[in-house]
């Protein structure tokens, strides 16, 4: 058995956290490949190393000196090395990175050095080999991951290393420049490494004991999700309910590799297992989780005989495409079509978009309902469970909450309801407590 482990920034924030990480890795011989993030916050008002590097980038752009700012970064790493009792000399690396920043190195290169340096420290502390991510993770000219080349090259590299630490968050462009994933991209690196080595399990270690069934900022003490499928995770991730980068699902999903979300500070907890599928008779609760987001509008289009007009829907979506606007959902009736859009993009060109829809479709009326929150109720146990929708709507009604929109996927994996934003927290609690006793 082979396990790939990824540790987040909070797990590698200081020497004490390094010691916890080392104990976790050494506890099982199967834990052979480790992906490391840059040091995160040690306390509430602390600054992440990645943000410190971004500050250096901004200073150079403003023609300001970076000596003091970069010294803080050096001190952070040297403090970890000293507290671990290591004899690791990183000054040549510091000098090279500082020189590159001063000479206007790219933003992605600068941001990636946090993972690069931290992985060198962790590799030295563990006695593992260090593999630079730029040697095995490749992007295409358009900035997307070159999956085929990455898998081929990284598989060949890892075959020559029994144990290794690989920096997360970045790879290399065809021209040799460093390219980063979006924030949280170390999750993706871990997934890529797990696929390349054909790992049995990908362990993603963070500062929580798995995924929760609801947002703890809204619902008091929600339960931990013990097992969740890739499909369910995808639905909840859409609403922001995840402790890992949602794009990290795809590389391991192709190989059927399970992901285990674990807590560095409570390694005895089982965490959450993310798996390809679960037998339908092994469902403890009807719902797996409930999550939501605010900041949506619903464009309501009405026109008699709309259903008989060939291409009507396509025309509406073409207008959105012309304005570079994605739609979230399309709940519709015979003579009505509703388009749910994200306010962040829609409100910039609201009037122009509505005018174009009216001009192209000759609609009888178009109204916009703003201030909408979407809540997704997700669970493989919902399929075939009679009365699930009834219980959901009953809970919302008893909470004195008005439903503005309903959308259910054909897979019966989720039901999405739209409500007024002011009812968001109340609705989350009503739904959670209806299904979780």
Protein backbone atom coordinates (compact mmCIF):
# COMPACT_ATOMS: atom_id res chain seq x y z
CA UNK A 1 0.00 0.00 0.00
CA UNK A 2 1.14 3.54 -0.80
CA UNK A 3 -0.24 6.72 0.71
CA UNK A 4 0.25 10.29 -0.45
CA UNK A 5 -0.14 12.98 2.18
CA UNK A 6 -0.73 16.70 1.76
CA UNK A 7 -0.27 19.08 4.68
CA UNK A 8 -1.79 22.55 4.64
CA UNK A 9 -0.26 25.80 5.83
CA UNK A 10 -1.66 25.57 9.36
CA UNK A 11 -0.15 22.09 9.67
CA UNK A 12 3.31 23.46 8.82
CA UNK A 13 3.16 26.89 10.44
CA UNK A 14 5.96 26.39 12.99
CA UNK A 15 8.37 23.85 14.47
CA UNK A 16 5.79 22.31 16.81
CA UNK A 17 3.49 21.65 13.87
CA UNK A 18 6.43 20.15 11.92
CA UNK A 19 6.94 17.70 14.78
CA UNK A 20 3.29 16.67 14.66
CA UNK A 21 3.52 16.19 10.91
CA UNK A 22 6.67 14.09 11.20
CA UNK A 23 5.04 11.88 13.84
CA UNK A 24 2.03 11.33 11.57
CA UNK A 25 4.19 10.42 8.58
CA UNK A 26 6.48 8.10 10.51
CA UNK A 27 3.53 6.33 12.17
CA UNK A 28 2.84 4.32 9.01
CA UNK A 29 5.48 3.05 6.55
CA UNK A 30 2.93 3.36 3.72
CA UNK A 31 3.08 7.16 4.03
CA UNK A 32 5.85 7.70 1.50
CA UNK A 33 5.09 10.83 -0.52
CA UNK A 34 4.32 14.21 1.03
CA UNK A 35 3.07 17.45 -0.53
CA UNK A 36 3.76 20.57 1.54
CA UNK A 37 2.19 24.01 1.68
CA UNK A 38 3.88 27.24 2.73
CA UNK A 39 3.81 28.13 6.45
CA UNK A 40 0.38 29.43 7.44
CA UNK A 41 -0.76 31.49 10.39
CA UNK A 42 0.57 30.60 13.85
CA UNK A 43 -2.00 32.77 15.58
CA UNK A 44 -4.99 34.90 14.60
CA UNK A 45 -3.15 38.08 13.61
CA UNK A 46 -0.17 36.32 12.06
CA UNK A 47 0.70 36.61 8.35
CA UNK A 48 1.01 33.65 6.00
CA UNK A 49 4.37 33.36 4.25
CA UNK A 50 2.64 33.43 0.86
CA UNK A 51 1.11 36.80 1.76
CA UNK A 52 4.54 38.02 2.91
CA UNK A 53 5.93 37.09 -0.49
CA UNK A 54 3.07 38.90 -2.22
CA UNK A 55 3.97 41.97 -0.13
CA UNK A 56 7.52 41.80 -1.50
CA UNK A 57 6.14 41.64 -5.02
CA UNK A 58 4.00 44.74 -4.39
CA UNK A 59 6.96 46.64 -2.93
CA UNK A 60 9.07 45.99 -6.01
CA UNK A 61 6.22 47.06 -8.27
CA UNK A 62 6.07 50.30 -6.28
CA UNK A 63 9.86 50.75 -6.55
CA UNK A 64 10.24 50.28 -2.79
CA UNK A 65 13.02 48.32 -1.02
CA UNK A 66 12.19 44.80 0.18
CA UNK A 67 15.04 44.27 2.66
CA UNK A 68 12.94 44.48 5.81
CA UNK A 69 9.99 42.55 4.36
CA UNK A 70 12.17 39.75 3.04
CA UNK A 71 14.13 39.55 6.30
CA UNK A 72 10.87 38.58 8.03
CA UNK A 73 10.53 35.66 5.62
CA UNK A 74 14.09 34.53 6.27
CA UNK A 75 13.53 34.77 10.01
CA UNK A 76 10.37 32.67 9.75
CA UNK A 77 12.18 29.77 8.10
CA UNK A 78 15.34 30.10 10.15
CA UNK A 79 13.20 30.05 13.29
CA UNK A 80 11.59 26.77 12.24
CA UNK A 81 15.00 25.27 11.39
CA UNK A 82 16.51 26.35 14.71
CA UNK A 83 13.58 25.11 16.79
CA UNK A 84 13.76 21.75 15.02
CA UNK A 85 17.46 21.47 15.88
CA UNK A 86 18.41 21.13 12.21
CA UNK A 87 21.67 22.08 10.53
CA UNK A 88 20.10 23.30 7.30
CA UNK A 89 21.61 26.35 5.58
CA UNK A 90 19.10 28.09 3.31
CA UNK A 91 20.94 31.40 2.84
CA UNK A 92 21.95 30.65 -0.78
CA UNK A 93 18.28 29.96 -1.57
CA UNK A 94 17.19 33.16 0.21
CA UNK A 95 19.75 35.20 -1.74
CA UNK A 96 18.71 33.71 -5.06
CA UNK A 97 14.99 34.28 -4.41
CA UNK A 98 15.52 37.82 -3.13
CA UNK A 99 17.61 38.67 -6.16
CA UNK A 100 14.91 37.31 -8.46
CA UNK A 101 12.23 39.40 -6.72
CA UNK A 102 14.32 42.56 -6.93
CA UNK A 103 14.81 41.95 -10.65
CA UNK A 104 11.05 41.72 -11.21
CA UNK A 105 10.47 37.98 -11.22
CA UNK A 106 6.92 36.94 -12.05
CA UNK A 107 4.19 37.03 -9.43
CA UNK A 108 3.63 33.28 -9.64
CA UNK A 109 7.31 32.51 -9.13
CA UNK A 110 7.46 34.74 -6.06
CA UNK A 111 4.29 33.27 -4.54
CA UNK A 112 5.50 29.70 -5.09
CA UNK A 113 8.70 30.12 -3.08
CA UNK A 114 6.84 29.60 0.19
CA UNK A 115 6.04 25.99 -0.74
CA UNK A 116 9.46 25.52 -2.29
CA UNK A 117 11.37 26.53 0.86
CA UNK A 118 9.02 24.78 3.28
CA UNK A 119 9.31 21.53 1.35
CA UNK A 120 13.09 21.72 1.53
CA UNK A 121 12.87 22.13 5.30
CA UNK A 122 10.38 19.27 5.69
CA UNK A 123 12.40 16.96 3.42
CA UNK A 124 15.54 17.67 5.46
CA UNK A 125 13.71 17.08 8.75
CA UNK A 126 12.20 13.78 7.58
CA UNK A 127 15.28 12.58 5.73
CA UNK A 128 13.23 12.32 2.53
CA UNK A 129 14.23 13.30 -1.01
CA UNK A 130 13.18 16.73 -2.26
CA UNK A 131 11.53 16.85 -5.69
CA UNK A 132 10.88 20.27 -7.17
CA UNK A 133 7.35 20.51 -8.56
CA UNK A 134 8.62 22.30 -11.66
CA UNK A 135 10.38 19.09 -12.69
CA UNK A 136 7.17 17.09 -12.89
CA UNK A 137 4.09 19.30 -13.11
CA UNK A 138 3.48 20.99 -16.45
CA UNK A 139 1.03 23.54 -17.80
CA UNK A 140 -0.01 24.15 -21.39
CA UNK A 141 0.36 27.47 -23.19
CA UNK A 142 -3.22 28.40 -22.26
CA UNK A 143 -2.44 27.97 -18.55
CA UNK A 144 -4.32 24.71 -18.02
CA UNK A 145 -2.66 21.64 -16.57
CA UNK A 146 -1.01 19.35 -19.11
CA UNK A 147 -2.39 16.20 -17.51
CA UNK A 148 -0.87 13.67 -19.90
CA UNK A 149 2.68 15.04 -19.76
CA UNK A 150 2.49 15.64 -16.01
CA UNK A 151 1.31 12.12 -15.27
CA UNK A 152 3.94 10.57 -17.52
CA UNK A 153 6.87 12.66 -16.26
CA UNK A 154 5.91 12.60 -12.59
CA UNK A 155 5.34 8.84 -12.61
CA UNK A 156 8.85 8.34 -14.00
CA UNK A 157 10.38 10.67 -11.41
CA UNK A 158 8.60 9.17 -8.40
CA UNK A 159 9.61 5.66 -9.47
CA UNK A 160 13.19 6.62 -8.55
CA UNK A 161 12.33 7.84 -5.05
CA UNK A 162 11.17 5.62 -2.19
CA UNK A 163 10.23 8.65 -0.09
CA UNK A 164 9.89 12.26 -1.22
CA UNK A 165 8.54 15.71 -0.39
CA UNK A 166 7.08 17.76 -3.25
CA UNK A 167 6.07 21.44 -2.98
CA UNK A 168 2.41 22.11 -3.64
CA UNK A 169 0.77 24.99 -5.50
CA UNK A 170 2.88 25.27 -8.66
CA UNK A 171 4.32 23.78 -11.83
CA UNK A 172 6.01 25.09 -14.95
CA UNK A 173 4.91 26.63 -18.25
CA UNK A 174 6.31 25.48 -21.64
CA UNK A 175 8.69 28.48 -21.64
CA UNK A 176 10.13 27.47 -18.28
CA UNK A 177 8.41 30.10 -16.12
CA UNK A 178 6.65 29.13 -12.90
CA UNK A 179 2.86 28.89 -12.94
CA UNK A 180 0.72 28.52 -9.80
CA UNK A 181 -2.67 26.98 -9.28
CA UNK A 182 -5.31 29.14 -7.62
CA UNK A 183 -5.25 29.57 -3.84
CA UNK A 184 -5.50 26.18 -2.15
CA UNK A 185 -3.74 24.63 -5.12
CA UNK A 186 -1.57 22.38 -2.96
CA UNK A 187 -4.64 20.14 -2.76
CA UNK A 188 -4.44 19.73 -6.52
CA UNK A 189 -0.72 18.91 -6.37
CA UNK A 190 -1.42 16.20 -3.81
CA UNK A 191 -4.09 14.71 -6.04
CA UNK A 192 -1.76 14.80 -9.06
CA UNK A 193 0.99 13.02 -7.09
CA UNK A 194 -1.50 10.42 -5.83
CA UNK A 195 -2.59 9.67 -9.38
CA UNK A 196 0.98 9.51 -10.71
CA UNK A 197 2.11 7.01 -8.08
CA UNK A 198 -1.23 5.13 -8.20
CA UNK A 199 -1.68 5.63 -4.48
CA UNK A 200 -4.14 3.56 -2.47
CA UNK A 201 -5.21 6.59 -0.41
CA UNK A 202 -4.67 10.35 -0.64
CA UNK A 203 -4.62 11.81 2.87
CA UNK A 204 -5.32 15.54 3.01
CA UNK A 205 -4.24 16.84 6.42
CA UNK A 206 -5.60 20.16 7.63
CA UNK A 207 -6.83 21.80 10.86
CA UNK A 208 -10.32 20.25 11.01
CA UNK A 209 -11.42 16.65 11.55
CA UNK A 210 -13.11 16.25 8.20
CA UNK A 211 -15.99 17.89 6.38
CA UNK A 212 -18.99 19.03 8.39
CA UNK A 213 -22.63 18.53 7.48
CA UNK A 214 -23.24 22.28 7.69
CA UNK A 215 -21.34 25.54 8.12
CA UNK A 216 -20.36 25.79 11.83
CA UNK A 217 -20.61 29.58 11.57
CA UNK A 218 -24.34 29.17 10.97
CA UNK A 219 -25.26 25.86 12.59
CA UNK A 220 -24.05 24.99 16.09
CA UNK A 221 -21.87 21.86 16.36
CA UNK A 222 -22.75 20.20 13.05
CA UNK A 223 -21.78 16.55 12.72
CA UNK A 224 -18.76 15.36 10.76
CA UNK A 225 -19.47 13.62 7.45
CA UNK A 226 -17.94 10.16 7.82
CA UNK A 227 -18.22 9.14 4.16
CA UNK A 228 -19.06 11.18 1.08
CA UNK A 229 -18.95 10.32 -2.61
CA UNK A 230 -17.10 12.36 -5.23
CA UNK A 231 -20.45 13.37 -6.74
CA UNK A 232 -21.80 14.61 -3.40
CA UNK A 233 -18.59 16.48 -2.70
CA UNK A 234 -18.85 18.18 -6.07
CA UNK A 235 -22.39 19.37 -5.27
CA UNK A 236 -21.42 20.70 -1.83
CA UNK A 237 -18.19 22.22 -3.14
CA UNK A 238 -20.21 24.27 -5.60
CA UNK A 239 -21.72 25.96 -2.56
CA UNK A 240 -18.32 26.43 -0.95
CA UNK A 241 -18.69 23.64 1.62
CA UNK A 242 -15.33 21.92 1.46
CA UNK A 243 -12.01 21.86 3.25
CA UNK A 244 -10.05 21.20 0.07
CA UNK A 245 -9.78 22.69 -3.40
CA UNK A 246 -12.65 21.29 -5.50
CA UNK A 247 -10.42 20.82 -8.58
CA UNK A 248 -8.38 18.33 -6.53
CA UNK A 249 -11.18 15.81 -6.92
CA UNK A 250 -10.69 15.10 -10.62
CA UNK A 251 -7.19 13.54 -10.84
CA UNK A 252 -7.92 10.97 -8.13
CA UNK A 253 -11.49 10.43 -9.28
CA UNK A 254 -10.22 9.11 -12.59
CA UNK A 255 -8.21 6.47 -10.73
CA UNK A 256 -10.82 5.73 -8.08
CA UNK A 257 -8.43 6.77 -5.31
CA UNK A 258 -10.20 7.64 -2.04
CA UNK A 259 -9.38 10.88 -0.23
CA UNK A 260 -9.20 11.02 3.56
CA UNK A 261 -9.58 14.47 5.16
CA UNK A 262 -7.70 14.36 8.49
CA UNK A 263 -6.79 16.73 11.33
CA UNK A 264 -3.08 17.27 12.04
CA UNK A 265 -3.93 18.38 15.56
CA UNK A 266 -6.18 15.37 16.21
CA UNK A 267 -4.66 12.50 14.19
CA UNK A 268 -6.69 9.95 16.15
CA UNK A 269 -9.90 11.22 14.49
CA UNK A 270 -11.00 9.24 11.44
CA UNK A 271 -11.98 12.34 9.50
CA UNK A 272 -13.98 12.16 6.28
CA UNK A 273 -13.54 9.55 3.56
CA UNK A 274 -14.26 10.73 0.01
CA UNK A 275 -14.94 7.68 -2.15
CA UNK A 276 -16.09 6.87 -5.71
CA UNK A 277 -19.33 5.27 -4.54
CA UNK A 278 -21.13 3.75 -1.59
CA UNK A 279 -23.58 0.86 -1.61
CA UNK A 280 -27.10 2.26 -1.48
CA UNK A 281 -27.98 0.22 1.60
CA UNK A 282 -25.11 1.74 3.59
CA UNK A 283 -26.61 5.15 4.23
CA UNK A 284 -26.87 6.41 7.81
CA UNK A 285 -28.67 9.66 7.01
CA UNK A 286 -30.91 10.75 4.17
CA UNK A 287 -28.84 13.88 3.59
CA UNK A 288 -25.07 14.01 3.52
CA UNK A 289 -24.80 17.75 3.97
CA UNK A 290 -26.43 21.13 3.49
CA UNK A 291 -24.61 24.20 2.20
CA UNK A 292 -25.39 27.52 0.60
CA UNK A 293 -24.21 30.81 -0.81
CA UNK A 294 -25.57 34.32 -1.03
CA UNK A 295 -25.34 36.81 -3.87
CA UNK A 296 -27.64 35.61 -6.64
CA UNK A 297 -30.37 37.10 -8.81
CA UNK A 298 -33.16 35.35 -10.69
CA UNK A 299 -34.08 36.67 -14.15
CA UNK A 300 -37.72 35.71 -14.73
CA UNK A 301 -38.79 35.71 -18.40
CA UNK A 302 -42.46 35.29 -19.33
CA UNK A 303 -43.87 34.76 -22.80
CA UNK A 304 -47.00 32.99 -23.98
CA UNK A 305 -46.32 29.80 -25.95
CA UNK A 306 -42.64 29.98 -25.09
CA UNK A 307 -42.48 26.18 -25.08
CA UNK A 308 -43.51 26.08 -28.75
CA UNK A 309 -40.90 28.58 -29.88
CA UNK A 310 -37.89 26.66 -31.21
CA UNK A 311 -34.58 28.06 -29.98
CA UNK A 312 -36.03 30.31 -27.27
CA UNK A 313 -33.77 28.96 -24.54
CA UNK A 314 -30.76 29.04 -26.81
CA UNK A 315 -31.41 32.71 -27.59
CA UNK A 316 -31.48 33.61 -23.90
CA UNK A 317 -28.26 31.75 -23.23
CA UNK A 318 -26.60 33.38 -26.24
CA UNK A 319 -27.29 36.78 -24.69
CA UNK A 320 -25.59 35.65 -21.48
CA UNK A 321 -22.68 34.26 -23.47
CA UNK A 322 -22.28 37.54 -25.35
CA UNK A 323 -21.99 39.31 -21.99
CA UNK A 324 -19.52 36.70 -20.70
CA UNK A 325 -22.01 35.64 -18.04
CA UNK A 326 -22.53 32.07 -16.82
CA UNK A 327 -25.86 30.81 -15.56
CA UNK A 328 -26.16 28.83 -12.35
CA UNK A 329 -29.58 27.19 -12.77
CA UNK A 330 -32.52 27.19 -15.19
CA UNK A 331 -35.76 26.32 -13.36
CA UNK A 332 -38.54 26.80 -15.92
CA UNK A 333 -42.25 26.34 -16.68
CA UNK A 334 -44.34 26.19 -19.85
CA UNK A 335 -44.56 29.95 -20.40
CA UNK A 336 -41.76 31.00 -18.03
CA UNK A 337 -38.02 30.64 -17.94
CA UNK A 338 -35.94 31.57 -14.90
CA UNK A 339 -32.21 32.08 -15.08
CA UNK A 340 -30.21 32.17 -11.86
CA UNK A 341 -27.04 34.25 -12.15
CA UNK A 342 -24.26 35.35 -9.84
CA UNK A 343 -24.61 39.00 -8.81
CA UNK A 344 -20.86 39.61 -8.95
CA UNK A 345 -20.96 39.30 -12.74
CA UNK A 346 -24.59 40.13 -13.51
CA UNK A 347 -24.93 43.51 -11.78
CA UNK A 348 -22.05 45.01 -13.77
CA UNK A 349 -24.18 44.93 -16.95
CA UNK A 350 -27.67 44.29 -15.61
CA UNK A 351 -29.56 46.80 -17.77
CA UNK A 352 -27.74 45.87 -20.97
CA UNK A 353 -28.35 42.17 -20.40
CA UNK A 354 -32.06 42.62 -19.71
CA UNK A 355 -32.46 44.90 -22.72
CA UNK A 356 -30.72 42.37 -24.98
CA UNK A 357 -32.91 39.52 -23.73
CA UNK A 358 -36.02 41.62 -24.33
CA UNK A 359 -34.87 42.63 -27.80
CA UNK A 360 -33.93 39.10 -28.85
CA UNK A 361 -36.86 37.18 -27.35
CA UNK A 362 -39.71 39.74 -27.51
CA UNK A 363 -40.71 38.52 -24.04
CA UNK A 364 -44.05 39.61 -22.53
CA UNK A 365 -42.27 40.58 -19.32
CA UNK A 366 -38.89 40.30 -17.66
CA UNK A 367 -38.42 40.78 -13.93
CA UNK A 368 -35.34 40.46 -11.77
CA UNK A 369 -35.44 39.21 -8.19
CA UNK A 370 -32.22 40.09 -6.39
CA UNK A 371 -30.87 39.32 -2.94
CA UNK A 372 -31.31 35.57 -3.36
CA UNK A 373 -29.42 32.91 -1.41
CA UNK A 374 -29.18 29.35 -2.71
CA UNK A 375 -29.16 26.36 -0.38
CA UNK A 376 -28.26 22.89 -1.62
CA UNK A 377 -29.46 19.83 0.25
CA UNK A 378 -27.25 16.95 -0.90
CA UNK A 379 -27.35 13.24 -0.19
CA UNK A 380 -27.18 9.89 -1.95
CA UNK A 381 -29.82 8.73 0.56
CA UNK A 382 -32.37 11.07 -1.01
CA UNK A 383 -32.78 8.91 -4.10
CA UNK A 384 -35.72 6.62 -3.54
CA UNK A 385 -36.49 7.99 -0.06
CA UNK A 386 -40.17 8.92 -0.06
CA UNK A 387 -41.16 12.24 1.44
CA UNK A 388 -37.71 13.86 1.40
CA UNK A 389 -38.87 16.92 -0.52
CA UNK A 390 -41.95 17.14 1.66
CA UNK A 391 -39.86 17.17 4.82
CA UNK A 392 -37.57 19.82 3.33
CA UNK A 393 -40.41 22.16 2.36
CA UNK A 394 -42.21 21.53 5.66
CA UNK A 395 -39.08 22.52 7.63
CA UNK A 396 -38.70 25.70 5.61
CA UNK A 397 -42.38 26.57 5.97
CA UNK A 398 -42.33 26.00 9.72
CA UNK A 399 -39.37 28.36 9.88
CA UNK A 400 -41.61 31.05 8.32
CA UNK A 401 -39.36 31.21 5.27
CA UNK A 402 -40.58 31.90 1.74
CA UNK A 403 -39.15 29.78 -1.08
CA UNK A 404 -38.33 31.86 -4.16
CA UNK A 405 -37.02 29.05 -6.37
CA UNK A 406 -36.81 25.24 -6.48
CA UNK A 407 -34.45 23.16 -8.61
CA UNK A 408 -33.90 19.41 -8.33
CA UNK A 409 -31.34 17.42 -10.28
CA UNK A 410 -32.52 14.39 -12.25
CA UNK A 411 -30.13 12.19 -10.27
CA UNK A 412 -32.09 12.95 -7.07
CA UNK A 413 -28.74 13.69 -5.45
CA UNK A 414 -29.65 17.24 -4.52
CA UNK A 415 -32.43 19.77 -4.13
CA UNK A 416 -31.62 23.47 -4.42
CA UNK A 417 -33.91 26.13 -3.02
CA UNK A 418 -33.68 29.88 -3.44
CA UNK A 419 -34.66 32.09 -0.50
CA UNK A 420 -34.23 35.70 0.54
CA UNK A 421 -30.74 36.34 1.86
CA UNK A 422 -32.10 37.58 5.18
CA UNK A 423 -33.50 34.09 5.82
CA UNK A 424 -30.27 32.27 4.99
CA UNK A 425 -29.07 31.26 8.48
CA UNK A 426 -32.60 30.47 9.65
CA UNK A 427 -33.16 28.21 6.64
CA UNK A 428 -29.86 26.36 7.08
CA UNK A 429 -30.75 25.56 10.68
CA UNK A 430 -34.30 24.54 9.85
CA UNK A 431 -33.14 22.09 7.17
CA UNK A 432 -30.23 20.68 9.18
CA UNK A 433 -32.29 20.01 12.28
CA UNK A 434 -35.09 18.42 10.25
CA UNK A 435 -32.79 15.72 8.89
CA UNK A 436 -30.10 15.45 11.59
CA UNK A 437 -31.33 14.53 15.04
